[in-house]
Amino acid sequence: MKMRMKIRQQLKEGLFTRNPVLVQQMGLCPVLAVSTSLCNGIGMGLSVLAVLLCSSVIVALLRKIIPDRFRVLCCIAVTAIFTTAAGQLLQSFFPPLSDRLGIYVPLIALNSMILSRTETFAFRSRVDAAAVDGAVQALGYAMALLLLCAVRELLGSGTLGGGLLGAGGAGIRILPEGAGLRVLVLPAGGFLTLAVLIAATQYILRRMAEKNAAAEKEAEL
């Protein structure tokens, strides 16, 4: 029961209250770069999930034999191994997607969110806790990335799922032709959309904190 409550709390933090993108604002460079289509977000999200989950498990398994002064170096090395594997799998089975994601897949090895979780949490936790944390944090990262991708592609191009059918796939048209705001698929549009999502998240969290504080005050009375 205690373990279930802890997992629920980790899930709440990873997806919302301490979301790595919308709250902690880590790993923003690839988020902004690849978020022009939902297909890109799916590919990057799954890659980050695989790398962080596997890296967290391996670091947790090796934590007792790794000297503390080498922990950052070892975390980078482990993450780099799984990042290379993810990149090779994408190139082998999904070459158009690999081409669109470009250099940002290899850069997963230096993603601040992944290094933070492996070095500060997995290195000091049991394997099961590290696996849950890795999965939850990666899901929170993927959720924010997919939300950003969906907003930019839908409102910018009027479509969803561009690239799912190959390099030339235009996606499913949702809005009429020419109805999208083309600026949203440009780099400036990525910054604007992410800023709006972060501001909305902060507003919701502040309102929730105010309601919880009011409820606690009423309970005391």
N, C-alpha and C. Protein backbone atom coordinates (compact mmCIF):
# COMPACT_ATOMS: atom_id res chain seq x y z
N MET A 1 0.84 -1.21 0.00
CA MET A 1 0.00 0.00 0.00
C MET A 1 0.87 1.26 0.00
N LYS A 2 1.92 1.24 0.82
CA LYS A 2 2.82 2.38 0.91
C LYS A 2 3.54 2.58 -0.42
N MET A 3 3.96 1.47 -1.06
CA MET A 3 4.64 1.54 -2.33
C MET A 3 3.72 2.11 -3.40
N ARG A 4 2.45 1.71 -3.36
CA ARG A 4 1.48 2.20 -4.34
C ARG A 4 1.27 3.69 -4.19
N MET A 5 1.19 4.17 -2.96
CA MET A 5 1.02 5.61 -2.72
C MET A 5 2.26 6.39 -3.18
N LYS A 6 3.43 5.80 -2.98
CA LYS A 6 4.66 6.47 -3.40
C LYS A 6 4.71 6.57 -4.92
N ILE A 7 4.32 5.49 -5.62
CA ILE A 7 4.31 5.52 -7.08
C ILE A 7 3.31 6.56 -7.58
N ARG A 8 2.14 6.63 -6.91
CA ARG A 8 1.14 7.61 -7.30
C ARG A 8 1.67 9.03 -7.13
N GLN A 9 2.41 9.26 -6.04
CA GLN A 9 2.99 10.58 -5.81
C GLN A 9 4.05 10.90 -6.85
N GLN A 10 4.89 9.91 -7.19
CA GLN A 10 5.90 10.11 -8.23
C GLN A 10 5.25 10.41 -9.58
N LEU A 11 4.15 9.72 -9.87
CA LEU A 11 3.45 9.94 -11.13
C LEU A 11 2.87 11.35 -11.19
N LYS A 12 2.31 11.81 -10.08
CA LYS A 12 1.75 13.16 -10.02
C LYS A 12 2.85 14.21 -10.21
N GLU A 13 4.00 13.99 -9.57
CA GLU A 13 5.09 14.95 -9.70
C GLU A 13 5.67 14.95 -11.11
N GLY A 14 5.91 13.75 -11.65
CA GLY A 14 6.53 13.66 -12.97
C GLY A 14 5.66 14.22 -14.08
N LEU A 15 4.35 13.97 -14.01
CA LEU A 15 3.45 14.42 -15.06
C LEU A 15 3.02 15.86 -14.91
N PHE A 16 2.96 16.35 -13.67
CA PHE A 16 2.37 17.68 -13.50
C PHE A 16 3.14 18.58 -12.54
N THR A 17 3.11 18.30 -11.24
CA THR A 17 3.62 19.28 -10.27
C THR A 17 5.11 19.55 -10.39
N ARG A 18 5.89 18.55 -10.86
CA ARG A 18 7.33 18.76 -11.08
C ARG A 18 7.70 18.26 -12.48
N ASN A 19 6.84 18.57 -13.43
CA ASN A 19 7.09 18.15 -14.80
C ASN A 19 8.46 18.67 -15.26
N PRO A 20 9.31 17.81 -15.83
CA PRO A 20 10.67 18.25 -16.19
C PRO A 20 10.72 19.37 -17.21
N VAL A 21 9.70 19.50 -18.05
CA VAL A 21 9.69 20.55 -19.08
C VAL A 21 8.90 21.76 -18.62
N LEU A 22 7.66 21.55 -18.21
CA LEU A 22 6.76 22.67 -17.93
C LEU A 22 6.98 23.31 -16.57
N VAL A 23 7.64 22.60 -15.64
CA VAL A 23 7.88 23.16 -14.31
C VAL A 23 9.38 23.34 -14.07
N GLN A 24 10.16 22.27 -14.22
CA GLN A 24 11.59 22.37 -13.98
C GLN A 24 12.35 22.96 -15.17
N GLN A 25 11.74 22.94 -16.34
CA GLN A 25 12.29 23.55 -17.56
C GLN A 25 13.69 23.01 -17.88
N MET A 26 13.77 21.67 -17.95
CA MET A 26 15.02 21.01 -18.29
C MET A 26 14.90 20.37 -19.68
N GLY A 27 16.01 20.26 -20.38
CA GLY A 27 16.02 19.62 -21.69
C GLY A 27 15.19 20.35 -22.73
N LEU A 28 15.18 21.68 -22.68
CA LEU A 28 14.32 22.46 -23.57
C LEU A 28 14.83 22.54 -25.00
N CYS A 29 16.13 22.40 -25.21
CA CYS A 29 16.68 22.54 -26.56
C CYS A 29 16.07 21.54 -27.54
N PRO A 30 16.09 20.22 -27.27
CA PRO A 30 15.44 19.29 -28.20
C PRO A 30 13.93 19.44 -28.25
N VAL A 31 13.34 19.83 -27.13
CA VAL A 31 11.89 20.04 -27.10
C VAL A 31 11.49 21.10 -28.12
N LEU A 32 12.19 22.21 -28.13
CA LEU A 32 11.89 23.29 -29.07
C LEU A 32 12.24 22.91 -30.50
N ALA A 33 13.31 22.15 -30.67
CA ALA A 33 13.80 21.87 -32.02
C ALA A 33 12.94 20.85 -32.77
N VAL A 34 12.43 19.83 -32.08
CA VAL A 34 11.75 18.73 -32.79
C VAL A 34 10.23 18.81 -32.70
N SER A 35 9.71 19.84 -32.05
CA SER A 35 8.27 19.88 -31.77
C SER A 35 7.43 20.46 -32.90
N THR A 36 7.90 20.36 -34.15
CA THR A 36 7.12 20.89 -35.26
C THR A 36 6.05 19.92 -35.74
N SER A 37 6.13 18.65 -35.32
CA SER A 37 5.10 17.69 -35.72
C SER A 37 4.92 16.65 -34.63
N LEU A 38 3.72 16.08 -34.57
CA LEU A 38 3.40 15.08 -33.56
C LEU A 38 4.25 13.83 -33.73
N CYS A 39 4.55 13.48 -34.98
CA CYS A 39 5.38 12.31 -35.25
C CYS A 39 6.77 12.47 -34.64
N ASN A 40 7.35 13.65 -34.79
CA ASN A 40 8.66 13.90 -34.19
C ASN A 40 8.60 13.75 -32.67
N GLY A 41 7.53 14.25 -32.07
CA GLY A 41 7.39 14.16 -30.62
C GLY A 41 7.28 12.73 -30.14
N ILE A 42 6.56 11.90 -30.90
CA ILE A 42 6.43 10.49 -30.53
C ILE A 42 7.80 9.81 -30.58
N GLY A 43 8.55 10.06 -31.65
CA GLY A 43 9.87 9.45 -31.79
C GLY A 43 10.83 9.88 -30.69
N MET A 44 10.88 11.19 -30.41
CA MET A 44 11.77 11.70 -29.38
C MET A 44 11.31 11.24 -27.99
N GLY A 45 10.01 11.26 -27.75
CA GLY A 45 9.49 10.84 -26.46
C GLY A 45 9.81 9.39 -26.15
N LEU A 46 9.62 8.51 -27.12
CA LEU A 46 9.94 7.09 -26.92
C LEU A 46 11.44 6.88 -26.74
N SER A 47 12.25 7.65 -27.46
CA SER A 47 13.70 7.53 -27.32
C SER A 47 14.15 7.94 -25.92
N VAL A 48 13.62 9.05 -25.44
CA VAL A 48 13.97 9.50 -24.08
C VAL A 48 13.49 8.51 -23.04
N LEU A 49 12.29 7.95 -23.23
CA LEU A 49 11.76 6.96 -22.29
C LEU A 49 12.67 5.75 -22.21
N ALA A 50 13.07 5.23 -23.37
CA ALA A 50 13.93 4.04 -23.39
C ALA A 50 15.29 4.33 -22.75
N VAL A 51 15.88 5.47 -23.11
CA VAL A 51 17.21 5.80 -22.59
C VAL A 51 17.18 6.04 -21.09
N LEU A 52 16.23 6.82 -20.61
CA LEU A 52 16.19 7.14 -19.18
C LEU A 52 15.84 5.92 -18.34
N LEU A 53 14.89 5.11 -18.80
CA LEU A 53 14.50 3.93 -18.05
C LEU A 53 15.68 2.95 -17.94
N CYS A 54 16.30 2.64 -19.06
CA CYS A 54 17.42 1.69 -19.05
C CYS A 54 18.61 2.24 -18.28
N SER A 55 18.92 3.52 -18.46
CA SER A 55 20.04 4.12 -17.76
C SER A 55 19.82 4.13 -16.25
N SER A 56 18.61 4.46 -15.82
CA SER A 56 18.31 4.49 -14.38
C SER A 56 18.48 3.12 -13.75
N VAL A 57 18.01 2.08 -14.44
CA VAL A 57 18.13 0.72 -13.91
C VAL A 57 19.60 0.31 -13.80
N ILE A 58 20.39 0.56 -14.85
CA ILE A 58 21.80 0.15 -14.83
C ILE A 58 22.58 0.94 -13.78
N VAL A 59 22.34 2.24 -13.68
CA VAL A 59 23.05 3.04 -12.68
C VAL A 59 22.69 2.57 -11.27
N ALA A 60 21.42 2.25 -11.04
CA ALA A 60 21.02 1.76 -9.72
C ALA A 60 21.67 0.41 -9.41
N LEU A 61 21.83 -0.43 -10.43
CA LEU A 61 22.48 -1.73 -10.22
C LEU A 61 23.97 -1.59 -9.89
N LEU A 62 24.60 -0.57 -10.49
CA LEU A 62 26.04 -0.40 -10.32
C LEU A 62 26.42 0.58 -9.22
N ARG A 63 25.45 1.17 -8.56
CA ARG A 63 25.74 2.28 -7.64
C ARG A 63 26.66 1.89 -6.49
N LYS A 64 26.62 0.65 -6.05
CA LYS A 64 27.44 0.25 -4.90
C LYS A 64 28.90 -0.03 -5.27
N ILE A 65 29.17 -0.19 -6.57
CA ILE A 65 30.54 -0.48 -6.96
C ILE A 65 31.19 0.71 -7.69
N ILE A 66 30.42 1.77 -7.92
CA ILE A 66 30.96 2.96 -8.58
C ILE A 66 31.45 3.94 -7.52
N PRO A 67 32.70 4.33 -7.53
CA PRO A 67 33.18 5.34 -6.57
C PRO A 67 32.39 6.64 -6.72
N ASP A 68 32.14 7.29 -5.61
CA ASP A 68 31.31 8.48 -5.63
C ASP A 68 31.90 9.58 -6.50
N ARG A 69 33.23 9.68 -6.56
CA ARG A 69 33.86 10.75 -7.34
C ARG A 69 33.72 10.52 -8.85
N PHE A 70 33.33 9.29 -9.24
CA PHE A 70 33.18 8.97 -10.66
C PHE A 70 31.71 8.84 -11.08
N ARG A 71 30.80 9.20 -10.20
CA ARG A 71 29.40 8.93 -10.49
C ARG A 71 28.89 9.71 -11.71
N VAL A 72 29.27 10.97 -11.87
CA VAL A 72 28.81 11.76 -13.01
C VAL A 72 29.36 11.17 -14.31
N LEU A 73 30.63 10.83 -14.32
CA LEU A 73 31.25 10.25 -15.50
C LEU A 73 30.58 8.93 -15.88
N CYS A 74 30.30 8.10 -14.89
CA CYS A 74 29.66 6.81 -15.15
C CYS A 74 28.23 6.99 -15.65
N CYS A 75 27.52 7.95 -15.09
CA CYS A 75 26.15 8.21 -15.55
C CYS A 75 26.15 8.65 -17.01
N ILE A 76 27.09 9.51 -17.37
CA ILE A 76 27.19 9.96 -18.76
C ILE A 76 27.52 8.79 -19.69
N ALA A 77 28.46 7.93 -19.25
CA ALA A 77 28.86 6.79 -20.08
C ALA A 77 27.69 5.83 -20.30
N VAL A 78 26.96 5.51 -19.23
CA VAL A 78 25.82 4.60 -19.35
C VAL A 78 24.75 5.20 -20.25
N THR A 79 24.46 6.47 -20.05
CA THR A 79 23.44 7.14 -20.87
C THR A 79 23.87 7.18 -22.33
N ALA A 80 25.16 7.40 -22.58
CA ALA A 80 25.66 7.46 -23.96
C ALA A 80 25.50 6.12 -24.67
N ILE A 81 25.70 5.03 -23.93
CA ILE A 81 25.55 3.70 -24.53
C ILE A 81 24.12 3.49 -25.01
N PHE A 82 23.16 3.79 -24.17
CA PHE A 82 21.76 3.57 -24.54
C PHE A 82 21.29 4.60 -25.58
N THR A 83 21.86 5.79 -25.53
CA THR A 83 21.52 6.79 -26.55
C THR A 83 22.00 6.32 -27.93
N THR A 84 23.21 5.78 -27.98
CA THR A 84 23.73 5.26 -29.25
C THR A 84 22.86 4.13 -29.77
N ALA A 85 22.43 3.24 -28.87
CA ALA A 85 21.56 2.14 -29.28
C ALA A 85 20.23 2.66 -29.82
N ALA A 86 19.66 3.66 -29.14
CA ALA A 86 18.39 4.23 -29.61
C ALA A 86 18.55 4.88 -30.98
N GLY A 87 19.66 5.59 -31.18
CA GLY A 87 19.91 6.22 -32.47
C GLY A 87 20.07 5.20 -33.59
N GLN A 88 20.77 4.10 -33.30
CA GLN A 88 20.96 3.06 -34.30
C GLN A 88 19.64 2.38 -34.65
N LEU A 89 18.80 2.15 -33.67
CA LEU A 89 17.49 1.54 -33.93
C LEU A 89 16.62 2.44 -34.79
N LEU A 90 16.65 3.74 -34.50
CA LEU A 90 15.87 4.68 -35.32
C LEU A 90 16.38 4.70 -36.76
N GLN A 91 17.69 4.72 -36.92
CA GLN A 91 18.25 4.74 -38.27
C GLN A 91 17.93 3.46 -39.04
N SER A 92 17.85 2.33 -38.34
CA SER A 92 17.61 1.05 -39.00
C SER A 92 16.15 0.85 -39.37
N PHE A 93 15.23 1.24 -38.48
CA PHE A 93 13.83 0.91 -38.68
C PHE A 93 12.97 2.12 -39.09
N PHE A 94 13.41 3.32 -38.73
CA PHE A 94 12.63 4.52 -39.07
C PHE A 94 13.56 5.61 -39.61
N PRO A 95 14.20 5.37 -40.74
CA PRO A 95 15.17 6.35 -41.26
C PRO A 95 14.61 7.75 -41.52
N PRO A 96 13.38 7.91 -42.06
CA PRO A 96 12.87 9.29 -42.23
C PRO A 96 12.74 10.03 -40.91
N LEU A 97 12.25 9.33 -39.88
CA LEU A 97 12.13 9.95 -38.56
C LEU A 97 13.49 10.27 -37.99
N SER A 98 14.44 9.37 -38.16
CA SER A 98 15.81 9.61 -37.69
C SER A 98 16.41 10.84 -38.36
N ASP A 99 16.14 11.02 -39.65
CA ASP A 99 16.66 12.19 -40.36
C ASP A 99 16.05 13.48 -39.82
N ARG A 100 14.75 13.45 -39.50
CA ARG A 100 14.09 14.67 -39.01
C ARG A 100 14.56 15.03 -37.60
N LEU A 101 14.80 14.02 -36.77
CA LEU A 101 15.26 14.30 -35.41
C LEU A 101 16.73 14.72 -35.40
N GLY A 102 17.48 14.22 -36.37
CA GLY A 102 18.86 14.67 -36.57
C GLY A 102 19.76 14.53 -35.36
N ILE A 103 20.49 15.59 -35.06
CA ILE A 103 21.50 15.58 -34.01
C ILE A 103 20.89 15.48 -32.62
N TYR A 104 19.59 15.72 -32.49
CA TYR A 104 18.98 15.79 -31.16
C TYR A 104 18.80 14.42 -30.51
N VAL A 105 18.84 13.34 -31.29
CA VAL A 105 18.84 12.00 -30.68
C VAL A 105 20.19 11.72 -30.01
N PRO A 106 21.33 11.89 -30.68
CA PRO A 106 22.61 11.71 -29.97
C PRO A 106 22.77 12.62 -28.76
N LEU A 107 22.17 13.81 -28.81
CA LEU A 107 22.30 14.74 -27.69
C LEU A 107 21.48 14.33 -26.47
N ILE A 108 20.67 13.27 -26.60
CA ILE A 108 19.95 12.76 -25.43
C ILE A 108 20.94 12.40 -24.32
N ALA A 109 22.13 11.94 -24.72
CA ALA A 109 23.14 11.54 -23.73
C ALA A 109 23.53 12.69 -22.81
N LEU A 110 23.35 13.94 -23.27
CA LEU A 110 23.72 15.10 -22.46
C LEU A 110 22.49 15.90 -22.04
N ASN A 111 21.32 15.30 -22.15
CA ASN A 111 20.09 15.96 -21.72
C ASN A 111 20.14 16.21 -20.22
N SER A 112 19.91 17.45 -19.81
CA SER A 112 20.03 17.80 -18.39
C SER A 112 19.04 17.04 -17.52
N MET A 113 17.85 16.75 -18.06
CA MET A 113 16.86 16.01 -17.29
C MET A 113 17.33 14.59 -17.01
N ILE A 114 17.89 13.92 -18.03
CA ILE A 114 18.35 12.54 -17.86
C ILE A 114 19.54 12.48 -16.92
N LEU A 115 20.50 13.38 -17.08
CA LEU A 115 21.66 13.40 -16.19
C LEU A 115 21.24 13.70 -14.75
N SER A 116 20.27 14.57 -14.59
CA SER A 116 19.80 14.91 -13.25
C SER A 116 19.18 13.71 -12.56
N ARG A 117 18.33 12.96 -13.27
CA ARG A 117 17.64 11.83 -12.65
C ARG A 117 18.59 10.66 -12.38
N THR A 118 19.51 10.39 -13.30
CA THR A 118 20.42 9.27 -13.07
C THR A 118 21.44 9.59 -11.97
N GLU A 119 21.92 10.82 -11.95
CA GLU A 119 22.98 11.17 -10.99
C GLU A 119 22.43 11.46 -9.60
N THR A 120 21.27 12.12 -9.51
CA THR A 120 20.75 12.49 -8.19
C THR A 120 19.78 11.48 -7.61
N PHE A 121 19.10 10.71 -8.46
CA PHE A 121 18.10 9.77 -7.92
C PHE A 121 18.53 8.32 -8.09
N ALA A 122 18.77 7.89 -9.34
CA ALA A 122 19.08 6.48 -9.57
C ALA A 122 20.36 6.05 -8.85
N PHE A 123 21.34 6.94 -8.75
CA PHE A 123 22.61 6.59 -8.11
C PHE A 123 22.44 6.38 -6.61
N ARG A 124 21.33 6.83 -6.04
CA ARG A 124 21.11 6.73 -4.60
C ARG A 124 19.87 5.90 -4.25
N SER A 125 19.34 5.15 -5.21
CA SER A 125 18.08 4.44 -5.00
C SER A 125 18.19 2.98 -5.39
N ARG A 126 17.21 2.21 -4.93
CA ARG A 126 17.13 0.81 -5.34
C ARG A 126 16.68 0.72 -6.79
N VAL A 127 16.82 -0.47 -7.35
CA VAL A 127 16.53 -0.64 -8.77
C VAL A 127 15.06 -0.37 -9.07
N ASP A 128 14.15 -0.87 -8.23
CA ASP A 128 12.72 -0.68 -8.50
C ASP A 128 12.33 0.79 -8.43
N ALA A 129 12.84 1.51 -7.42
CA ALA A 129 12.54 2.93 -7.30
C ALA A 129 13.13 3.72 -8.46
N ALA A 130 14.35 3.36 -8.87
CA ALA A 130 14.99 4.05 -9.99
C ALA A 130 14.23 3.82 -11.28
N ALA A 131 13.73 2.59 -11.49
CA ALA A 131 12.97 2.28 -12.70
C ALA A 131 11.68 3.07 -12.75
N VAL A 132 10.98 3.16 -11.63
CA VAL A 132 9.72 3.92 -11.58
C VAL A 132 9.99 5.39 -11.83
N ASP A 133 11.03 5.92 -11.17
CA ASP A 133 11.35 7.34 -11.36
C ASP A 133 11.73 7.63 -12.80
N GLY A 134 12.56 6.77 -13.40
CA GLY A 134 12.95 6.98 -14.79
C GLY A 134 11.76 6.97 -15.73
N ALA A 135 10.87 5.99 -15.53
CA ALA A 135 9.69 5.90 -16.39
C ALA A 135 8.77 7.10 -16.22
N VAL A 136 8.54 7.51 -14.98
CA VAL A 136 7.63 8.62 -14.70
C VAL A 136 8.17 9.93 -15.24
N GLN A 137 9.44 10.20 -14.99
CA GLN A 137 10.04 11.44 -15.48
C GLN A 137 10.04 11.49 -17.01
N ALA A 138 10.33 10.36 -17.63
CA ALA A 138 10.33 10.31 -19.10
C ALA A 138 8.91 10.50 -19.64
N LEU A 139 7.93 9.93 -18.97
CA LEU A 139 6.54 10.11 -19.40
C LEU A 139 6.12 11.57 -19.28
N GLY A 140 6.56 12.23 -18.19
CA GLY A 140 6.26 13.65 -18.05
C GLY A 140 6.91 14.48 -19.14
N TYR A 141 8.13 14.13 -19.47
CA TYR A 141 8.85 14.81 -20.56
C TYR A 141 8.12 14.59 -21.88
N ALA A 142 7.75 13.34 -22.15
CA ALA A 142 7.07 13.01 -23.41
C ALA A 142 5.70 13.68 -23.49
N MET A 143 4.98 13.72 -22.37
CA MET A 143 3.66 14.34 -22.36
C MET A 143 3.74 15.82 -22.73
N ALA A 144 4.70 16.53 -22.11
CA ALA A 144 4.87 17.95 -22.42
C ALA A 144 5.30 18.15 -23.87
N LEU A 145 6.20 17.28 -24.34
CA LEU A 145 6.67 17.38 -25.72
C LEU A 145 5.54 17.14 -26.71
N LEU A 146 4.72 16.11 -26.46
CA LEU A 146 3.61 15.81 -27.37
C LEU A 146 2.58 16.92 -27.36
N LEU A 147 2.34 17.51 -26.20
CA LEU A 147 1.40 18.63 -26.12
C LEU A 147 1.90 19.81 -26.94
N LEU A 148 3.17 20.11 -26.82
CA LEU A 148 3.76 21.20 -27.60
C LEU A 148 3.71 20.89 -29.09
N CYS A 149 4.03 19.65 -29.45
CA CYS A 149 3.99 19.24 -30.87
C CYS A 149 2.59 19.38 -31.44
N ALA A 150 1.60 18.88 -30.69
CA ALA A 150 0.22 18.91 -31.18
C ALA A 150 -0.27 20.34 -31.39
N VAL A 151 0.04 21.21 -30.44
CA VAL A 151 -0.40 22.61 -30.56
C VAL A 151 0.27 23.28 -31.75
N ARG A 152 1.58 23.10 -31.88
CA ARG A 152 2.30 23.77 -32.98
C ARG A 152 1.87 23.24 -34.35
N GLU A 153 1.72 21.91 -34.46
CA GLU A 153 1.36 21.36 -35.77
C GLU A 153 -0.09 21.69 -36.13
N LEU A 154 -1.00 21.56 -35.14
CA LEU A 154 -2.41 21.80 -35.43
C LEU A 154 -2.67 23.27 -35.76
N LEU A 155 -2.20 24.16 -34.90
CA LEU A 155 -2.46 25.59 -35.11
C LEU A 155 -1.53 26.22 -36.15
N GLY A 156 -0.39 25.58 -36.40
CA GLY A 156 0.54 26.13 -37.38
C GLY A 156 0.30 25.63 -38.79
N SER A 157 0.07 24.30 -38.92
CA SER A 157 -0.12 23.72 -40.24
C SER A 157 -1.55 23.28 -40.51
N GLY A 158 -2.35 23.19 -39.44
CA GLY A 158 -3.73 22.73 -39.60
C GLY A 158 -3.86 21.23 -39.73
N THR A 159 -2.76 20.49 -39.46
CA THR A 159 -2.77 19.03 -39.58
C THR A 159 -2.27 18.39 -38.30
N LEU A 160 -2.42 17.06 -38.22
CA LEU A 160 -1.86 16.27 -37.14
C LEU A 160 -1.30 14.98 -37.73
N GLY A 161 -0.16 14.56 -37.22
CA GLY A 161 0.43 13.30 -37.67
C GLY A 161 1.28 13.41 -38.90
N GLY A 162 1.79 14.58 -39.23
CA GLY A 162 2.65 14.73 -40.40
C GLY A 162 3.91 13.90 -40.28
N GLY A 163 4.22 13.11 -41.31
CA GLY A 163 5.39 12.26 -41.31
C GLY A 163 5.15 10.84 -40.87
N LEU A 164 3.95 10.54 -40.37
CA LEU A 164 3.67 9.18 -39.92
C LEU A 164 3.68 8.19 -41.08
N LEU A 165 3.34 8.65 -42.27
CA LEU A 165 3.30 7.77 -43.43
C LEU A 165 4.57 7.84 -44.27
N GLY A 166 5.62 8.44 -43.70
CA GLY A 166 6.87 8.56 -44.43
C GLY A 166 7.35 9.99 -44.47
N ALA A 167 8.45 10.21 -45.14
CA ALA A 167 9.05 11.54 -45.15
C ALA A 167 8.14 12.58 -45.76
N GLY A 168 7.30 12.18 -46.71
CA GLY A 168 6.45 13.15 -47.38
C GLY A 168 5.03 13.19 -46.87
N GLY A 169 4.75 12.45 -45.78
CA GLY A 169 3.39 12.43 -45.26
C GLY A 169 2.97 13.77 -44.73
N ALA A 170 1.81 14.24 -45.17
CA ALA A 170 1.35 15.58 -44.78
C ALA A 170 0.49 15.55 -43.53
N GLY A 171 0.10 14.39 -43.05
CA GLY A 171 -0.73 14.32 -41.88
C GLY A 171 -2.21 14.48 -42.20
N ILE A 172 -3.03 14.32 -41.19
CA ILE A 172 -4.48 14.44 -41.33
C ILE A 172 -4.87 15.90 -41.18
N ARG A 173 -5.55 16.43 -42.17
CA ARG A 173 -5.93 17.84 -42.12
C ARG A 173 -7.12 18.02 -41.19
N ILE A 174 -6.94 18.89 -40.20
CA ILE A 174 -7.99 19.19 -39.22
C ILE A 174 -8.60 20.55 -39.50
N LEU A 175 -7.76 21.55 -39.75
CA LEU A 175 -8.23 22.90 -40.06
C LEU A 175 -8.23 23.11 -41.57
N PRO A 176 -9.04 24.03 -42.06
CA PRO A 176 -9.05 24.30 -43.50
C PRO A 176 -7.68 24.76 -44.00
N GLU A 177 -7.42 24.53 -45.27
CA GLU A 177 -6.16 24.93 -45.89
C GLU A 177 -5.95 26.44 -45.73
N GLY A 178 -4.78 26.81 -45.23
CA GLY A 178 -4.44 28.21 -45.05
C GLY A 178 -4.94 28.83 -43.76
N ALA A 179 -5.59 28.02 -42.90
CA ALA A 179 -6.14 28.57 -41.66
C ALA A 179 -5.11 28.62 -40.53
N GLY A 180 -3.99 27.91 -40.66
CA GLY A 180 -3.01 27.86 -39.59
C GLY A 180 -2.16 29.11 -39.49
N LEU A 181 -1.58 29.31 -38.33
CA LEU A 181 -0.65 30.42 -38.10
C LEU A 181 0.76 29.90 -38.36
N ARG A 182 1.31 30.18 -39.53
CA ARG A 182 2.58 29.60 -39.95
C ARG A 182 3.73 29.94 -39.01
N VAL A 183 3.60 31.02 -38.26
CA VAL A 183 4.69 31.39 -37.36
C VAL A 183 4.91 30.32 -36.29
N LEU A 184 3.89 29.52 -35.98
CA LEU A 184 4.01 28.53 -34.92
C LEU A 184 4.94 27.38 -35.29
N VAL A 185 5.13 27.13 -36.58
CA VAL A 185 6.04 26.05 -36.98
C VAL A 185 7.46 26.57 -37.18
N LEU A 186 7.65 27.87 -37.00
CA LEU A 186 8.98 28.46 -37.06
C LEU A 186 9.61 28.45 -35.67
N PRO A 187 10.93 28.63 -35.57
CA PRO A 187 11.58 28.62 -34.25
C PRO A 187 10.95 29.59 -33.25
N ALA A 188 10.59 30.78 -33.71
CA ALA A 188 9.96 31.75 -32.79
C ALA A 188 8.65 31.22 -32.25
N GLY A 189 7.91 30.48 -33.09
CA GLY A 189 6.65 29.90 -32.65
C GLY A 189 6.83 28.87 -31.56
N GLY A 190 7.96 28.13 -31.60
CA GLY A 190 8.25 27.17 -30.55
C GLY A 190 8.42 27.85 -29.20
N PHE A 191 9.18 28.95 -29.19
CA PHE A 191 9.39 29.69 -27.95
C PHE A 191 8.06 30.25 -27.42
N LEU A 192 7.26 30.82 -28.31
CA LEU A 192 6.00 31.42 -27.88
C LEU A 192 5.04 30.36 -27.32
N THR A 193 4.92 29.23 -28.03
CA THR A 193 4.00 28.19 -27.58
C THR A 193 4.45 27.60 -26.25
N LEU A 194 5.74 27.33 -26.12
CA LEU A 194 6.25 26.77 -24.86
C LEU A 194 6.05 27.75 -23.71
N ALA A 195 6.26 29.04 -23.97
CA ALA A 195 6.06 30.05 -22.93
C ALA A 195 4.61 30.06 -22.44
N VAL A 196 3.67 29.94 -23.39
CA VAL A 196 2.25 29.92 -23.01
C VAL A 196 1.93 28.68 -22.18
N LEU A 197 2.45 27.53 -22.58
CA LEU A 197 2.19 26.29 -21.84
C LEU A 197 2.79 26.34 -20.43
N ILE A 198 4.00 26.89 -20.33
CA ILE A 198 4.63 27.01 -19.01
C ILE A 198 3.83 27.97 -18.13
N ALA A 199 3.40 29.09 -18.70
CA ALA A 199 2.62 30.05 -17.93
C ALA A 199 1.30 29.45 -17.47
N ALA A 200 0.64 28.68 -18.35
CA ALA A 200 -0.63 28.04 -17.98
C ALA A 200 -0.42 27.03 -16.86
N THR A 201 0.67 26.26 -16.95
CA THR A 201 0.96 25.28 -15.91
C THR A 201 1.23 25.96 -14.58
N GLN A 202 2.01 27.02 -14.58
CA GLN A 202 2.30 27.74 -13.35
C GLN A 202 1.03 28.34 -12.74
N TYR A 203 0.14 28.84 -13.60
CA TYR A 203 -1.12 29.40 -13.10
C TYR A 203 -1.96 28.32 -12.42
N ILE A 204 -2.07 27.16 -13.06
CA ILE A 204 -2.86 26.07 -12.50
C ILE A 204 -2.27 25.60 -11.18
N LEU A 205 -0.95 25.46 -11.12
CA LEU A 205 -0.30 25.03 -9.88
C LEU A 205 -0.49 26.04 -8.76
N ARG A 206 -0.43 27.32 -9.10
CA ARG A 206 -0.63 28.36 -8.09
C ARG A 206 -2.05 28.32 -7.55
N ARG A 207 -3.03 28.15 -8.45
CA ARG A 207 -4.43 28.05 -8.02
C ARG A 207 -4.66 26.83 -7.14
N MET A 208 -4.03 25.71 -7.50
CA MET A 208 -4.16 24.51 -6.69
C MET A 208 -3.56 24.71 -5.31
N ALA A 209 -2.40 25.38 -5.24
CA ALA A 209 -1.76 25.64 -3.95
C ALA A 209 -2.63 26.55 -3.09
N GLU A 210 -3.25 27.55 -3.71
CA GLU A 210 -4.12 28.45 -2.96
C GLU A 210 -5.34 27.72 -2.42
N LYS A 211 -5.91 26.83 -3.22
CA LYS A 211 -7.08 26.06 -2.77
C LYS A 211 -6.71 25.12 -1.63
N ASN A 212 -5.54 24.48 -1.74
CA ASN A 212 -5.10 23.57 -0.68
C ASN A 212 -4.84 24.33 0.61
N ALA A 213 -4.23 25.52 0.48
CA ALA A 213 -3.96 26.33 1.67
C ALA A 213 -5.27 26.77 2.32
N ALA A 214 -6.26 27.16 1.49
CA ALA A 214 -7.56 27.56 2.04
C ALA A 214 -8.26 26.40 2.71
N ALA A 215 -8.16 25.21 2.11
CA ALA A 215 -8.80 24.03 2.72
C ALA A 215 -8.15 23.67 4.05
N GLU A 216 -6.83 23.78 4.14
CA GLU A 216 -6.13 23.50 5.40
C GLU A 216 -6.49 24.51 6.48
N LYS A 217 -6.66 25.77 6.05
CA LYS A 217 -7.02 26.80 7.02
C LYS A 217 -8.43 26.57 7.57
N GLU A 218 -9.35 26.17 6.68
CA GLU A 218 -10.72 25.87 7.13
C GLU A 218 -10.74 24.67 8.04
N ALA A 219 -9.90 23.67 7.75
CA ALA A 219 -9.85 22.47 8.60
C ALA A 219 -9.35 22.81 10.01
N GLU A 220 -8.40 23.75 10.08
CA GLU A 220 -7.87 24.15 11.40
C GLU A 220 -8.94 24.88 12.21
N LEU A 221 -9.81 25.64 11.50
CA LEU A 221 -10.88 26.38 12.21
C LEU A 221 -11.98 25.42 12.66
